[in-house]
Amino acid sequence: MISNKNKQQLKKIAHSSEVLKINIGKELLNNQVIQSILNAFNTRELIKISFLRSAVESGDKNTIILDLTSALKCDVVQIIGNTVLIYKPNPKLKDHIVLEK
């Protein structure tokens, strides 16, 4: 769990830099989607996930987000509408995000 101060820091970074955006449609969270997000975490720490209308209609968005974060072992930074910003620290990256304490 990350603190509110750290969430603010991550939102600022996400707003000012290029963040990978992944769309999730009616297929929801199959193994292929989860694997592609895990692979993306090998090269970055912040990812935006957009839920298409078909995904929101076929399931509860909050339940989907909870399943996603538990499968990926990551933290939710922000939820705006059908878009969620997730964070998973990766100290092996050259541009690793150092959170304030």
PDB file of N, CA and C in Angstrom:
ATOM      1  N   MET A   1       0.848  -1.187   0.000  1.00  0.00           N
ATOM      2  CA  MET A   1       0.000   0.000   0.000  1.00  0.00           C
ATOM      3  C   MET A   1       0.886   1.240   0.000  1.00  0.00           C
ATOM      4  N   ILE A   2       0.547   2.177  -0.841  1.00  0.00           N
ATOM      5  CA  ILE A   2       1.322   3.411  -0.910  1.00  0.00           C
ATOM      6  C   ILE A   2       0.550   4.544  -0.253  1.00  0.00           C
ATOM      7  N   SER A   3       1.290   5.506   0.284  1.00  0.00           N
ATOM      8  CA  SER A   3       0.670   6.610   1.015  1.00  0.00           C
ATOM      9  C   SER A   3       0.049   7.620   0.046  1.00  0.00           C
ATOM     10  N   ASN A   4      -0.783   8.492   0.591  1.00  0.00           N
ATOM     11  CA  ASN A   4      -1.404   9.538  -0.236  1.00  0.00           C
ATOM     12  C   ASN A   4      -0.355  10.478  -0.820  1.00  0.00           C
ATOM     13  N   LYS A   5       0.695  10.750  -0.036  1.00  0.00           N
ATOM     14  CA  LYS A   5       1.768  11.621  -0.521  1.00  0.00           C
ATOM     15  C   LYS A   5       2.455  10.976  -1.726  1.00  0.00           C
ATOM     16  N   ASN A   6       2.688   9.667  -1.645  1.00  0.00           N
ATOM     17  CA  ASN A   6       3.301   8.951  -2.761  1.00  0.00           C
ATOM     18  C   ASN A   6       2.371   8.888  -3.961  1.00  0.00           C
ATOM     19  N   LYS A   7       1.068   8.752  -3.709  1.00  0.00           N
ATOM     20  CA  LYS A   7       0.104   8.752  -4.817  1.00  0.00           C
ATOM     21  C   LYS A   7       0.144  10.079  -5.559  1.00  0.00           C
ATOM     22  N   GLN A   8       0.239  11.182  -4.814  1.00  0.00           N
ATOM     23  CA  GLN A   8       0.323  12.492  -5.448  1.00  0.00           C
ATOM     24  C   GLN A   8       1.577  12.606  -6.315  1.00  0.00           C
ATOM     25  N   GLN A   9       2.683  12.086  -5.794  1.00  0.00           N
ATOM     26  CA  GLN A   9       3.942  12.100  -6.544  1.00  0.00           C
ATOM     27  C   GLN A   9       3.806  11.284  -7.834  1.00  0.00           C
ATOM     28  N   LEU A  10       3.189  10.110  -7.755  1.00  0.00           N
ATOM     29  CA  LEU A  10       3.025   9.252  -8.925  1.00  0.00           C
ATOM     30  C   LEU A  10       2.066   9.863  -9.948  1.00  0.00           C
ATOM     31  N   LYS A  11       1.015  10.521  -9.481  1.00  0.00           N
ATOM     32  CA  LYS A  11       0.083  11.204 -10.397  1.00  0.00           C
ATOM     33  C   LYS A  11       0.807  12.300 -11.170  1.00  0.00           C
ATOM     34  N   LYS A  12       1.660  13.023 -10.469  1.00  0.00           N
ATOM     35  CA  LYS A  12       2.418  14.093 -11.107  1.00  0.00           C
ATOM     36  C   LYS A  12       3.347  13.522 -12.182  1.00  0.00           C
ATOM     37  N   ILE A  13       4.008  12.417 -11.880  1.00  0.00           N
ATOM     38  CA  ILE A  13       4.893  11.770 -12.855  1.00  0.00           C
ATOM     39  C   ILE A  13       4.085  11.272 -14.049  1.00  0.00           C
ATOM     40  N   ALA A  14       2.942  10.653 -13.783  1.00  0.00           N
ATOM     41  CA  ALA A  14       2.108  10.113 -14.859  1.00  0.00           C
ATOM     42  C   ALA A  14       1.580  11.214 -15.763  1.00  0.00           C
ATOM     43  N   HIS A  15       1.275  12.352 -15.175  1.00  0.00           N
ATOM     44  CA  HIS A  15       0.737  13.464 -15.957  1.00  0.00           C
ATOM     45  C   HIS A  15       1.806  14.106 -16.839  1.00  0.00           C
ATOM     46  N   SER A  16       3.048  14.106 -16.367  1.00  0.00           N
ATOM     47  CA  SER A  16       4.095  14.825 -17.085  1.00  0.00           C
ATOM     48  C   SER A  16       4.931  13.934 -18.001  1.00  0.00           C
ATOM     49  N   SER A  17       4.671  12.632 -18.038  1.00  0.00           N
ATOM     50  CA  SER A  17       5.490  11.749 -18.865  1.00  0.00           C
ATOM     51  C   SER A  17       4.615  10.808 -19.688  1.00  0.00           C
ATOM     52  N   GLU A  18       5.262  10.120 -20.593  1.00  0.00           N
ATOM     53  CA  GLU A  18       4.574   9.133 -21.414  1.00  0.00           C
ATOM     54  C   GLU A  18       4.337   7.875 -20.592  1.00  0.00           C
ATOM     55  N   VAL A  19       3.101   7.531 -20.395  1.00  0.00           N
ATOM     56  CA  VAL A  19       2.731   6.334 -19.642  1.00  0.00           C
ATOM     57  C   VAL A  19       2.049   5.374 -20.604  1.00  0.00           C
ATOM     58  N   LEU A  20       2.430   4.115 -20.531  1.00  0.00           N
ATOM     59  CA  LEU A  20       1.817   3.106 -21.382  1.00  0.00           C
ATOM     60  C   LEU A  20       0.336   2.991 -21.062  1.00  0.00           C
ATOM     61  N   LYS A  21      -0.487   2.941 -22.102  1.00  0.00           N
ATOM     62  CA  LYS A  21      -1.931   2.817 -21.917  1.00  0.00           C
ATOM     63  C   LYS A  21      -2.394   1.510 -22.543  1.00  0.00           C
ATOM     64  N   ILE A  22      -3.092   0.711 -21.754  1.00  0.00           N
ATOM     65  CA  ILE A  22      -3.601  -0.576 -22.208  1.00  0.00           C
ATOM     66  C   ILE A  22      -5.118  -0.545 -22.139  1.00  0.00           C
ATOM     67  N   ASN A  23      -5.759  -0.987 -23.215  1.00  0.00           N
ATOM     68  CA  ASN A  23      -7.220  -1.052 -23.255  1.00  0.00           C
ATOM     69  C   ASN A  23      -7.691  -2.464 -22.935  1.00  0.00           C
ATOM     70  N   ILE A  24      -8.723  -2.554 -22.101  1.00  0.00           N
ATOM     71  CA  ILE A  24      -9.328  -3.843 -21.781  1.00  0.00           C
ATOM     72  C   ILE A  24     -10.762  -3.812 -22.267  1.00  0.00           C
ATOM     73  N   GLY A  25     -11.106  -4.780 -23.105  1.00  0.00           N
ATOM     74  CA  GLY A  25     -12.438  -4.847 -23.701  1.00  0.00           C
ATOM     75  C   GLY A  25     -13.268  -5.958 -23.108  1.00  0.00           C
ATOM     76  N   LYS A  26     -14.140  -6.519 -23.932  1.00  0.00           N
ATOM     77  CA  LYS A  26     -15.098  -7.513 -23.459  1.00  0.00           C
ATOM     78  C   LYS A  26     -14.445  -8.812 -23.003  1.00  0.00           C
ATOM     79  N   GLU A  27     -13.197  -9.055 -23.413  1.00  0.00           N
ATOM     80  CA  GLU A  27     -12.482 -10.257 -22.978  1.00  0.00           C
ATOM     81  C   GLU A  27     -12.121 -10.190 -21.490  1.00  0.00           C
ATOM     82  N   LEU A  28     -12.124  -8.985 -20.939  1.00  0.00           N
ATOM     83  CA  LEU A  28     -11.768  -8.719 -19.539  1.00  0.00           C
ATOM     84  C   LEU A  28     -10.373  -9.241 -19.217  1.00  0.00           C
ATOM     85  N   LEU A  29     -10.213  -9.933 -18.120  1.00  0.00           N
ATOM     86  CA  LEU A  29      -8.890 -10.316 -17.650  1.00  0.00           C
ATOM     87  C   LEU A  29      -8.569 -11.767 -17.970  1.00  0.00           C
ATOM     88  N   ASN A  30      -8.226 -12.033 -19.185  1.00  0.00           N
ATOM     89  CA  ASN A  30      -7.777 -13.378 -19.511  1.00  0.00           C
ATOM     90  C   ASN A  30      -6.266 -13.444 -19.281  1.00  0.00           C
ATOM     91  N   ASN A  31      -5.695 -14.619 -19.393  1.00  0.00           N
ATOM     92  CA  ASN A  31      -4.267 -14.801 -19.121  1.00  0.00           C
ATOM     93  C   ASN A  31      -3.382 -13.980 -20.053  1.00  0.00           C
ATOM     94  N   GLN A  32      -3.817 -13.800 -21.278  1.00  0.00           N
ATOM     95  CA  GLN A  32      -3.032 -13.037 -22.243  1.00  0.00           C
ATOM     96  C   GLN A  32      -2.929 -11.568 -21.835  1.00  0.00           C
ATOM     97  N   VAL A  33      -4.024 -10.991 -21.367  1.00  0.00           N
ATOM     98  CA  VAL A  33      -4.019  -9.594 -20.931  1.00  0.00           C
ATOM     99  C   VAL A  33      -3.127  -9.433 -19.706  1.00  0.00           C
ATOM    100  N   ILE A  34      -3.271 -10.317 -18.739  1.00  0.00           N
ATOM    101  CA  ILE A  34      -2.460 -10.238 -17.524  1.00  0.00           C
ATOM    102  C   ILE A  34      -0.983 -10.406 -17.859  1.00  0.00           C
ATOM    103  N   GLN A  35      -0.660 -11.326 -18.747  1.00  0.00           N
ATOM    104  CA  GLN A  35       0.736 -11.545 -19.131  1.00  0.00           C
ATOM    105  C   GLN A  35       1.316 -10.334 -19.851  1.00  0.00           C
ATOM    106  N   SER A  36       0.526  -9.690 -20.696  1.00  0.00           N
ATOM    107  CA  SER A  36       1.039  -8.513 -21.406  1.00  0.00           C
ATOM    108  C   SER A  36       1.279  -7.351 -20.444  1.00  0.00           C
ATOM    109  N   ILE A  37       0.439  -7.205 -19.419  1.00  0.00           N
ATOM    110  CA  ILE A  37       0.656  -6.157 -18.417  1.00  0.00           C
ATOM    111  C   ILE A  37       1.896  -6.484 -17.582  1.00  0.00           C
ATOM    112  N   LEU A  38       2.071  -7.750 -17.204  1.00  0.00           N
ATOM    113  CA  LEU A  38       3.273  -8.151 -16.467  1.00  0.00           C
ATOM    114  C   LEU A  38       4.532  -7.877 -17.285  1.00  0.00           C
ATOM    115  N   ASN A  39       4.487  -8.155 -18.576  1.00  0.00           N
ATOM    116  CA  ASN A  39       5.629  -7.860 -19.445  1.00  0.00           C
ATOM    117  C   ASN A  39       5.894  -6.360 -19.520  1.00  0.00           C
ATOM    118  N   ALA A  40       4.837  -5.564 -19.516  1.00  0.00           N
ATOM    119  CA  ALA A  40       5.002  -4.107 -19.556  1.00  0.00           C
ATOM    120  C   ALA A  40       5.665  -3.599 -18.273  1.00  0.00           C
ATOM    121  N   PHE A  41       5.401  -4.259 -17.150  1.00  0.00           N
ATOM    122  CA  PHE A  41       6.031  -3.856 -15.893  1.00  0.00           C
ATOM    123  C   PHE A  41       7.536  -4.156 -15.878  1.00  0.00           C
ATOM    124  N   ASN A  42       8.034  -4.916 -16.836  1.00  0.00           N
ATOM    125  CA  ASN A  42       9.478  -5.149 -16.930  1.00  0.00           C
ATOM    126  C   ASN A  42      10.211  -3.915 -17.437  1.00  0.00           C
ATOM    127  N   THR A  43       9.500  -3.018 -18.126  1.00  0.00           N
ATOM    128  CA  THR A  43      10.142  -1.842 -18.706  1.00  0.00           C
ATOM    129  C   THR A  43       9.663  -0.523 -18.117  1.00  0.00           C
ATOM    130  N   ARG A  44       8.645  -0.567 -17.274  1.00  0.00           N
ATOM    131  CA  ARG A  44       8.109   0.666 -16.671  1.00  0.00           C
ATOM    132  C   ARG A  44       7.421   0.338 -15.358  1.00  0.00           C
ATOM    133  N   GLU A  45       7.101   1.384 -14.609  1.00  0.00           N
ATOM    134  CA  GLU A  45       6.489   1.180 -13.298  1.00  0.00           C
ATOM    135  C   GLU A  45       5.051   1.699 -13.226  1.00  0.00           C
ATOM    136  N   LEU A  46       4.700   2.610 -14.099  1.00  0.00           N
ATOM    137  CA  LEU A  46       3.345   3.174 -14.132  1.00  0.00           C
ATOM    138  C   LEU A  46       2.655   2.775 -15.429  1.00  0.00           C
ATOM    139  N   ILE A  47       1.418   2.306 -15.303  1.00  0.00           N
ATOM    140  CA  ILE A  47       0.640   1.918 -16.474  1.00  0.00           C
ATOM    141  C   ILE A  47      -0.793   2.410 -16.290  1.00  0.00           C
ATOM    142  N   LYS A  48      -1.353   2.990 -17.366  1.00  0.00           N
ATOM    143  CA  LYS A  48      -2.765   3.367 -17.369  1.00  0.00           C
ATOM    144  C   LYS A  48      -3.546   2.268 -18.059  1.00  0.00           C
ATOM    145  N   ILE A  49      -4.637   1.873 -17.437  1.00  0.00           N
ATOM    146  CA  ILE A  49      -5.501   0.860 -18.033  1.00  0.00           C
ATOM    147  C   ILE A  49      -6.872   1.479 -18.248  1.00  0.00           C
ATOM    148  N   SER A  50      -7.329   1.433 -19.496  1.00  0.00           N
ATOM    149  CA  SER A  50      -8.650   1.943 -19.843  1.00  0.00           C
ATOM    150  C   SER A  50      -9.593   0.777 -20.068  1.00  0.00           C
ATOM    151  N   PHE A  51     -10.742   0.863 -19.449  1.00  0.00           N
ATOM    152  CA  PHE A  51     -11.771  -0.148 -19.647  1.00  0.00           C
ATOM    153  C   PHE A  51     -12.736   0.363 -20.705  1.00  0.00           C
ATOM    154  N   LEU A  52     -12.834  -0.371 -21.789  1.00  0.00           N
ATOM    155  CA  LEU A  52     -13.772   0.004 -22.843  1.00  0.00           C
ATOM    156  C   LEU A  52     -15.200  -0.212 -22.359  1.00  0.00           C
ATOM    157  N   ARG A  53     -16.135   0.392 -23.026  1.00  0.00           N
ATOM    158  CA  ARG A  53     -17.536   0.299 -22.627  1.00  0.00           C
ATOM    159  C   ARG A  53     -18.002  -1.158 -22.498  1.00  0.00           C
ATOM    160  N   SER A  54     -17.548  -2.001 -23.409  1.00  0.00           N
ATOM    161  CA  SER A  54     -17.962  -3.411 -23.374  1.00  0.00           C
ATOM    162  C   SER A  54     -17.460  -4.113 -22.113  1.00  0.00           C
ATOM    163  N   ALA A  55     -16.306  -3.706 -21.608  1.00  0.00           N
ATOM    164  CA  ALA A  55     -15.772  -4.315 -20.378  1.00  0.00           C
ATOM    165  C   ALA A  55     -16.580  -3.888 -19.163  1.00  0.00           C
ATOM    166  N   VAL A  56     -16.961  -2.625 -19.131  1.00  0.00           N
ATOM    167  CA  VAL A  56     -17.717  -2.103 -17.991  1.00  0.00           C
ATOM    168  C   VAL A  56     -19.127  -2.681 -17.973  1.00  0.00           C
ATOM    169  N   GLU A  57     -19.709  -2.885 -19.164  1.00  0.00           N
ATOM    170  CA  GLU A  57     -21.058  -3.441 -19.233  1.00  0.00           C
ATOM    171  C   GLU A  57     -21.105  -4.901 -18.811  1.00  0.00           C
ATOM    172  N   SER A  58     -20.014  -5.640 -19.051  1.00  0.00           N
ATOM    173  CA  SER A  58     -20.038  -7.072 -18.771  1.00  0.00           C
ATOM    174  C   SER A  58     -19.585  -7.429 -17.356  1.00  0.00           C
ATOM    175  N   GLY A  59     -19.192  -6.465 -16.554  1.00  0.00           N
ATOM    176  CA  GLY A  59     -18.777  -6.775 -15.191  1.00  0.00           C
ATOM    177  C   GLY A  59     -18.634  -5.526 -14.344  1.00  0.00           C
ATOM    178  N   ASP A  60     -18.534  -5.713 -13.043  1.00  0.00           N
ATOM    179  CA  ASP A  60     -18.355  -4.606 -12.114  1.00  0.00           C
ATOM    180  C   ASP A  60     -16.907  -4.117 -12.206  1.00  0.00           C
ATOM    181  N   LYS A  61     -16.741  -2.854 -12.527  1.00  0.00           N
ATOM    182  CA  LYS A  61     -15.410  -2.285 -12.737  1.00  0.00           C
ATOM    183  C   LYS A  61     -14.533  -2.410 -11.490  1.00  0.00           C
ATOM    184  N   ASN A  62     -15.086  -2.139 -10.325  1.00  0.00           N
ATOM    185  CA  ASN A  62     -14.291  -2.215  -9.098  1.00  0.00           C
ATOM    186  C   ASN A  62     -13.819  -3.635  -8.808  1.00  0.00           C
ATOM    187  N   THR A  63     -14.653  -4.617  -9.099  1.00  0.00           N
ATOM    188  CA  THR A  63     -14.255  -6.012  -8.918  1.00  0.00           C
ATOM    189  C   THR A  63     -13.149  -6.382  -9.899  1.00  0.00           C
ATOM    190  N   ILE A  64     -13.265  -5.896 -11.123  1.00  0.00           N
ATOM    191  CA  ILE A  64     -12.243  -6.159 -12.138  1.00  0.00           C
ATOM    192  C   ILE A  64     -10.909  -5.550 -11.715  1.00  0.00           C
ATOM    193  N   ILE A  65     -10.950  -4.321 -11.199  1.00  0.00           N
ATOM    194  CA  ILE A  65      -9.730  -3.646 -10.747  1.00  0.00           C
ATOM    195  C   ILE A  65      -9.103  -4.400  -9.575  1.00  0.00           C
ATOM    196  N   LEU A  66      -9.926  -4.851  -8.650  1.00  0.00           N
ATOM    197  CA  LEU A  66      -9.432  -5.622  -7.509  1.00  0.00           C
ATOM    198  C   LEU A  66      -8.781  -6.924  -7.959  1.00  0.00           C
ATOM    199  N   ASP A  67      -9.416  -7.629  -8.896  1.00  0.00           N
ATOM    200  CA  ASP A  67      -8.840  -8.862  -9.442  1.00  0.00           C
ATOM    201  C   ASP A  67      -7.513  -8.580 -10.149  1.00  0.00           C
ATOM    202  N   LEU A  68      -7.481  -7.478 -10.897  1.00  0.00           N
ATOM    203  CA  LEU A  68      -6.287  -7.107 -11.637  1.00  0.00           C
ATOM    204  C   LEU A  68      -5.122  -6.811 -10.699  1.00  0.00           C
ATOM    205  N   THR A  69      -5.351  -5.997  -9.687  1.00  0.00           N
ATOM    206  CA  THR A  69      -4.267  -5.629  -8.776  1.00  0.00           C
ATOM    207  C   THR A  69      -3.783  -6.815  -7.945  1.00  0.00           C
ATOM    208  N   SER A  70      -4.673  -7.724  -7.601  1.00  0.00           N
ATOM    209  CA  SER A  70      -4.225  -8.898  -6.849  1.00  0.00           C
ATOM    210  C   SER A  70      -3.452  -9.856  -7.751  1.00  0.00           C
ATOM    211  N   ALA A  71      -3.834  -9.981  -9.012  1.00  0.00           N
ATOM    212  CA  ALA A  71      -3.118 -10.857  -9.943  1.00  0.00           C
ATOM    213  C   ALA A  71      -1.736 -10.304 -10.279  1.00  0.00           C
ATOM    214  N   LEU A  72      -1.630  -8.977 -10.367  1.00  0.00           N
ATOM    215  CA  LEU A  72      -0.371  -8.344 -10.754  1.00  0.00           C
ATOM    216  C   LEU A  72       0.491  -7.938  -9.564  1.00  0.00           C
ATOM    217  N   LYS A  73      -0.085  -7.977  -8.356  1.00  0.00           N
ATOM    218  CA  LYS A  73       0.611  -7.539  -7.140  1.00  0.00           C
ATOM    219  C   LYS A  73       1.099  -6.099  -7.295  1.00  0.00           C
ATOM    220  N   CYS A  74       0.157  -5.225  -7.665  1.00  0.00           N
ATOM    221  CA  CYS A  74       0.476  -3.814  -7.867  1.00  0.00           C
ATOM    222  C   CYS A  74      -0.494  -2.960  -7.056  1.00  0.00           C
ATOM    223  N   ASP A  75      -0.264  -1.641  -7.050  1.00  0.00           N
ATOM    224  CA  ASP A  75      -1.101  -0.708  -6.301  1.00  0.00           C
ATOM    225  C   ASP A  75      -1.870   0.194  -7.256  1.00  0.00           C
ATOM    226  N   VAL A  76      -3.084   0.540  -6.853  1.00  0.00           N
ATOM    227  CA  VAL A  76      -3.886   1.508  -7.598  1.00  0.00           C
ATOM    228  C   VAL A  76      -3.482   2.903  -7.133  1.00  0.00           C
ATOM    229  N   VAL A  77      -3.118   3.739  -8.078  1.00  0.00           N
ATOM    230  CA  VAL A  77      -2.754   5.115  -7.764  1.00  0.00           C
ATOM    231  C   VAL A  77      -3.973   6.013  -7.891  1.00  0.00           C
ATOM    232  N   GLN A  78      -4.744   5.821  -8.967  1.00  0.00           N
ATOM    233  CA  GLN A  78      -5.857   6.720  -9.235  1.00  0.00           C
ATOM    234  C   GLN A  78      -6.869   6.031 -10.142  1.00  0.00           C
ATOM    235  N   ILE A  79      -8.137   6.311  -9.882  1.00  0.00           N
ATOM    236  CA  ILE A  79      -9.211   5.855 -10.763  1.00  0.00           C
ATOM    237  C   ILE A  79      -9.991   7.084 -11.199  1.00  0.00           C
ATOM    238  N   ILE A  80     -10.046   7.299 -12.506  1.00  0.00           N
ATOM    239  CA  ILE A  80     -10.837   8.399 -13.066  1.00  0.00           C
ATOM    240  C   ILE A  80     -11.720   7.804 -14.144  1.00  0.00           C
ATOM    241  N   GLY A  81     -13.014   7.796 -13.912  1.00  0.00           N
ATOM    242  CA  GLY A  81     -13.948   7.246 -14.888  1.00  0.00           C
ATOM    243  C   GLY A  81     -13.648   5.788 -15.140  1.00  0.00           C
ATOM    244  N   ASN A  82     -13.363   5.446 -16.383  1.00  0.00           N
ATOM    245  CA  ASN A  82     -13.053   4.066 -16.762  1.00  0.00           C
ATOM    246  C   ASN A  82     -11.554   3.839 -16.935  1.00  0.00           C
ATOM    247  N   THR A  83     -10.748   4.722 -16.365  1.00  0.00           N
ATOM    248  CA  THR A  83      -9.298   4.610 -16.465  1.00  0.00           C
ATOM    249  C   THR A  83      -8.699   4.478 -15.071  1.00  0.00           C
ATOM    250  N   VAL A  84      -7.764   3.542 -14.944  1.00  0.00           N
ATOM    251  CA  VAL A  84      -7.092   3.329 -13.669  1.00  0.00           C
ATOM    252  C   VAL A  84      -5.587   3.414 -13.900  1.00  0.00           C
ATOM    253  N   LEU A  85      -4.892   4.082 -12.987  1.00  0.00           N
ATOM    254  CA  LEU A  85      -3.440   4.190 -13.024  1.00  0.00           C
ATOM    255  C   LEU A  85      -2.883   3.241 -11.982  1.00  0.00           C
ATOM    256  N   ILE A  86      -2.028   2.302 -12.416  1.00  0.00           N
ATOM    257  CA  ILE A  86      -1.468   1.327 -11.488  1.00  0.00           C
ATOM    258  C   ILE A  86       0.048   1.483 -11.419  1.00  0.00           C
ATOM    259  N   TYR A  87       0.616   1.094 -10.278  1.00  0.00           N
ATOM    260  CA  TYR A  87       2.046   1.242 -10.012  1.00  0.00           C
ATOM    261  C   TYR A  87       2.603  -0.036  -9.415  1.00  0.00           C
ATOM    262  N   LYS A  88       3.728  -0.452  -9.946  1.00  0.00           N
ATOM    263  CA  LYS A  88       4.455  -1.595  -9.386  1.00  0.00           C
ATOM    264  C   LYS A  88       5.940  -1.230  -9.410  1.00  0.00           C
ATOM    265  N   PRO A  89       6.579  -1.129  -8.240  1.00  0.00           N
ATOM    266  CA  PRO A  89       7.993  -0.728  -8.223  1.00  0.00           C
ATOM    267  C   PRO A  89       8.885  -1.778  -8.877  1.00  0.00           C
ATOM    268  N   ASN A  90       9.893  -1.288  -9.586  1.00  0.00           N
ATOM    269  CA  ASN A  90      10.863  -2.160 -10.234  1.00  0.00           C
ATOM    270  C   ASN A  90      12.246  -1.516 -10.083  1.00  0.00           C
ATOM    271  N   PRO A  91      12.973  -1.850  -9.007  1.00  0.00           N
ATOM    272  CA  PRO A  91      14.272  -1.206  -8.751  1.00  0.00           C
ATOM    273  C   PRO A  91      15.338  -1.537  -9.798  1.00  0.00           C
ATOM    274  N   LYS A  92      15.100  -2.520 -10.660  1.00  0.00           N
ATOM    275  CA  LYS A  92      16.072  -2.889 -11.687  1.00  0.00           C
ATOM    276  C   LYS A  92      16.091  -1.903 -12.853  1.00  0.00           C
ATOM    277  N   LEU A  93      15.058  -1.066 -12.956  1.00  0.00           N
ATOM    278  CA  LEU A  93      14.986  -0.118 -14.071  1.00  0.00           C
ATOM    279  C   LEU A  93      16.011   0.996 -13.917  1.00  0.00           C
ATOM    280  N   LYS A  94      16.494   1.480 -15.054  1.00  0.00           N
ATOM    281  CA  LYS A  94      17.438   2.590 -15.045  1.00  0.00           C
ATOM    282  C   LYS A  94      16.752   3.860 -14.523  1.00  0.00           C
ATOM    283  N   ASP A  95      15.504   4.075 -14.928  1.00  0.00           N
ATOM    284  CA  ASP A  95      14.742   5.273 -14.516  1.00  0.00           C
ATOM    285  C   ASP A  95      13.751   4.918 -13.397  1.00  0.00           C
ATOM    286  N   HIS A  96      14.214   4.194 -12.405  1.00  0.00           N
ATOM    287  CA  HIS A  96      13.374   3.764 -11.284  1.00  0.00           C
ATOM    288  C   HIS A  96      12.804   4.991 -10.555  1.00  0.00           C
ATOM    289  N   ILE A  97      11.530   4.919 -10.216  1.00  0.00           N
ATOM    290  CA  ILE A  97      10.867   6.002  -9.481  1.00  0.00           C
ATOM    291  C   ILE A  97      11.176   5.838  -7.995  1.00  0.00           C
ATOM    292  N   VAL A  98      11.765   6.880  -7.419  1.00  0.00           N
ATOM    293  CA  VAL A  98      12.087   6.864  -5.998  1.00  0.00           C
ATOM    294  C   VAL A  98      10.991   7.647  -5.275  1.00  0.00           C
ATOM    295  N   LEU A  99      10.229   6.956  -4.434  1.00  0.00           N
ATOM    296  CA  LEU A  99       9.143   7.591  -3.709  1.00  0.00           C
ATOM    297  C   LEU A  99       9.660   8.269  -2.445  1.00  0.00           C
ATOM    298  N   GLU A 100       9.060   9.422  -2.121  1.00  0.00           N
ATOM    299  CA  GLU A 100       9.407  10.114  -0.887  1.00  0.00           C
ATOM    300  C   GLU A 100       8.931   9.321   0.315  1.00  0.00           C
ATOM    301  N   LYS A 101       9.616   9.485   1.411  1.00  0.00           N
ATOM    302  CA  LYS A 101       9.206   8.766   2.631  1.00  0.00           C
ATOM    303  C   LYS A 101       8.390   9.647   3.515  1.00  0.00           C
TER     304      LYS A 101
END
